[in-house]
């Protein structure tokens, strides 16, 4: 798969392995902290796989093929409103690429 700007695959960052691990642990922990029992991601295992560094947007691999594009709020605890953190779940990475990443890439290029 070709990753389009502004999305960056964590694996492709020019960081050492420990920094990547720590970074992923931080974002995954923040997601768990924010998600309440009514949220679509509650109780799901999520692993950070990509970031959009110009926003607090992240792409998480869920169990199976699903991925979730999430905008974290950086709250210190659980969000009481299940709409937050904002999340869109896609059936696969390929679905996300078609339905989200490509359009964001076009918008991002227009903004430059």
Protein backbone atom coordinates (compact mmCIF):
# COMPACT_ATOMS: atom_id res chain seq x y z
CA UNK A 1 0.00 0.00 0.00
CA UNK A 2 1.19 3.51 -0.78
CA UNK A 3 0.85 5.93 2.13
CA UNK A 4 -0.22 9.39 1.00
CA UNK A 5 0.66 12.63 2.80
CA UNK A 6 -0.20 13.77 5.36
CA UNK A 7 -0.42 10.21 6.75
CA UNK A 8 2.79 8.56 7.94
CA UNK A 9 3.20 4.89 8.79
CA UNK A 10 4.78 4.57 12.26
CA UNK A 11 7.03 1.84 10.93
CA UNK A 12 8.50 4.33 8.41
CA UNK A 13 9.48 6.97 10.98
CA UNK A 14 13.21 7.59 11.29
CA UNK A 15 13.19 6.69 14.99
CA UNK A 16 14.85 3.88 16.88
CA UNK A 17 12.73 0.86 17.85
CA UNK A 18 12.38 1.89 21.51
CA UNK A 19 11.13 5.37 20.64
CA UNK A 20 8.55 3.88 18.25
CA UNK A 21 7.40 1.41 20.93
CA UNK A 22 7.09 4.13 23.58
CA UNK A 23 5.25 6.40 21.17
CA UNK A 24 2.74 3.67 20.29
CA UNK A 25 2.23 2.76 23.93
CA UNK A 26 1.46 6.41 24.72
CA UNK A 27 -1.13 6.81 21.97
CA UNK A 28 -2.72 3.42 22.65
CA UNK A 29 -2.94 4.26 26.35
CA UNK A 30 -4.53 7.64 25.61
CA UNK A 31 -7.14 5.97 23.43
CA UNK A 32 -8.02 3.53 26.24
CA UNK A 33 -8.19 6.41 28.71
CA UNK A 34 -10.66 8.41 26.61
CA UNK A 35 -13.02 5.65 25.43
CA UNK A 36 -16.10 5.14 27.60
CA UNK A 37 -18.41 2.12 27.80
CA UNK A 38 -20.83 3.52 25.19
CA UNK A 39 -18.07 4.21 22.63
CA UNK A 40 -17.74 1.95 19.56
CA UNK A 41 -14.10 1.22 20.46
CA UNK A 42 -14.72 0.32 24.10
CA UNK A 43 -13.04 -2.96 25.01
CA UNK A 44 -11.35 -3.34 21.62
CA UNK A 45 -7.62 -3.91 21.33
CA UNK A 46 -6.09 -1.17 19.19
CA UNK A 47 -2.52 -0.82 17.94
CA UNK A 48 -1.24 2.45 16.51
CA UNK A 49 -0.08 2.02 12.92
CA UNK A 50 -0.08 5.54 11.41
CA UNK A 51 -0.36 9.20 12.28
CA UNK A 52 -1.39 12.43 10.70
CA UNK A 53 1.06 14.79 12.39
CA UNK A 54 -0.69 18.04 11.45
CA UNK A 55 -3.69 16.96 13.58
CA UNK A 56 -4.28 14.68 16.55
CA UNK A 57 -5.46 11.96 14.16
CA UNK A 58 -4.24 8.40 14.35
CA UNK A 59 -4.95 5.13 12.62
CA UNK A 60 -5.28 2.06 14.80
CA UNK A 61 -5.35 -1.58 13.75
CA UNK A 62 -8.21 -3.35 15.52
CA UNK A 63 -8.76 -7.06 15.92
CA UNK A 64 -9.03 -8.80 12.57
CA UNK A 65 -8.88 -6.59 9.50
CA UNK A 66 -10.69 -3.53 10.88
CA UNK A 67 -8.95 -0.19 11.35
CA UNK A 68 -10.12 2.93 13.16
CA UNK A 69 -9.25 6.50 12.30
CA UNK A 70 -9.43 8.39 15.57
CA UNK A 71 -9.15 12.02 16.63
CA UNK A 72 -8.04 11.99 20.25
CA UNK A 73 -9.11 14.78 22.60
CA UNK A 74 -6.22 14.41 25.08
CA UNK A 75 -8.65 14.40 27.99
CA UNK A 76 -7.16 13.31 31.31
CA UNK A 77 -9.85 10.68 31.66
CA UNK A 78 -12.81 9.01 30.04
CA UNK A 79 -14.90 11.14 27.72
CA UNK A 80 -18.52 11.20 28.98
CA UNK A 81 -19.92 11.70 25.47
CA UNK A 82 -19.62 8.52 23.33
CA UNK A 83 -19.03 10.68 20.24
CA UNK A 84 -15.55 11.39 21.62
CA UNK A 85 -12.95 10.58 20.79
CA UNK A 86 -14.23 10.92 17.25
CA UNK A 87 -13.69 7.62 15.44
CA UNK A 88 -14.49 6.08 12.10
CA UNK A 89 -14.17 2.32 11.77
CA UNK A 90 -13.33 0.75 8.41
CA UNK A 91 -13.63 -2.91 7.41
CA UNK A 92 -10.00 -3.00 6.27
CA UNK A 93 -6.94 -0.90 5.59
CA UNK A 94 -7.84 -0.93 1.91
CA UNK A 95 -11.33 0.42 2.68
CA UNK A 96 -9.79 3.20 4.77
CA UNK A 97 -7.37 4.02 1.95
CA UNK A 98 -10.23 4.35 -0.54
CA UNK A 99 -12.78 6.02 1.72
CA UNK A 100 -10.60 8.36 3.79
CA UNK A 101 -6.88 8.65 3.09
CA UNK A 102 -7.21 9.48 -0.61
CA UNK A 103 -9.70 12.32 0.01
CA UNK A 104 -7.58 13.70 2.87
CA UNK A 105 -4.54 13.67 0.59
CA UNK A 106 -6.40 15.72 -2.03
CA UNK A 107 -7.57 18.25 0.60
CA UNK A 108 -4.10 18.47 2.11
CA UNK A 109 -2.56 19.22 -1.29
CA UNK A 110 -5.12 21.98 -1.90
CA UNK A 111 -4.21 23.59 1.42
CA UNK A 112 -0.52 23.90 0.53
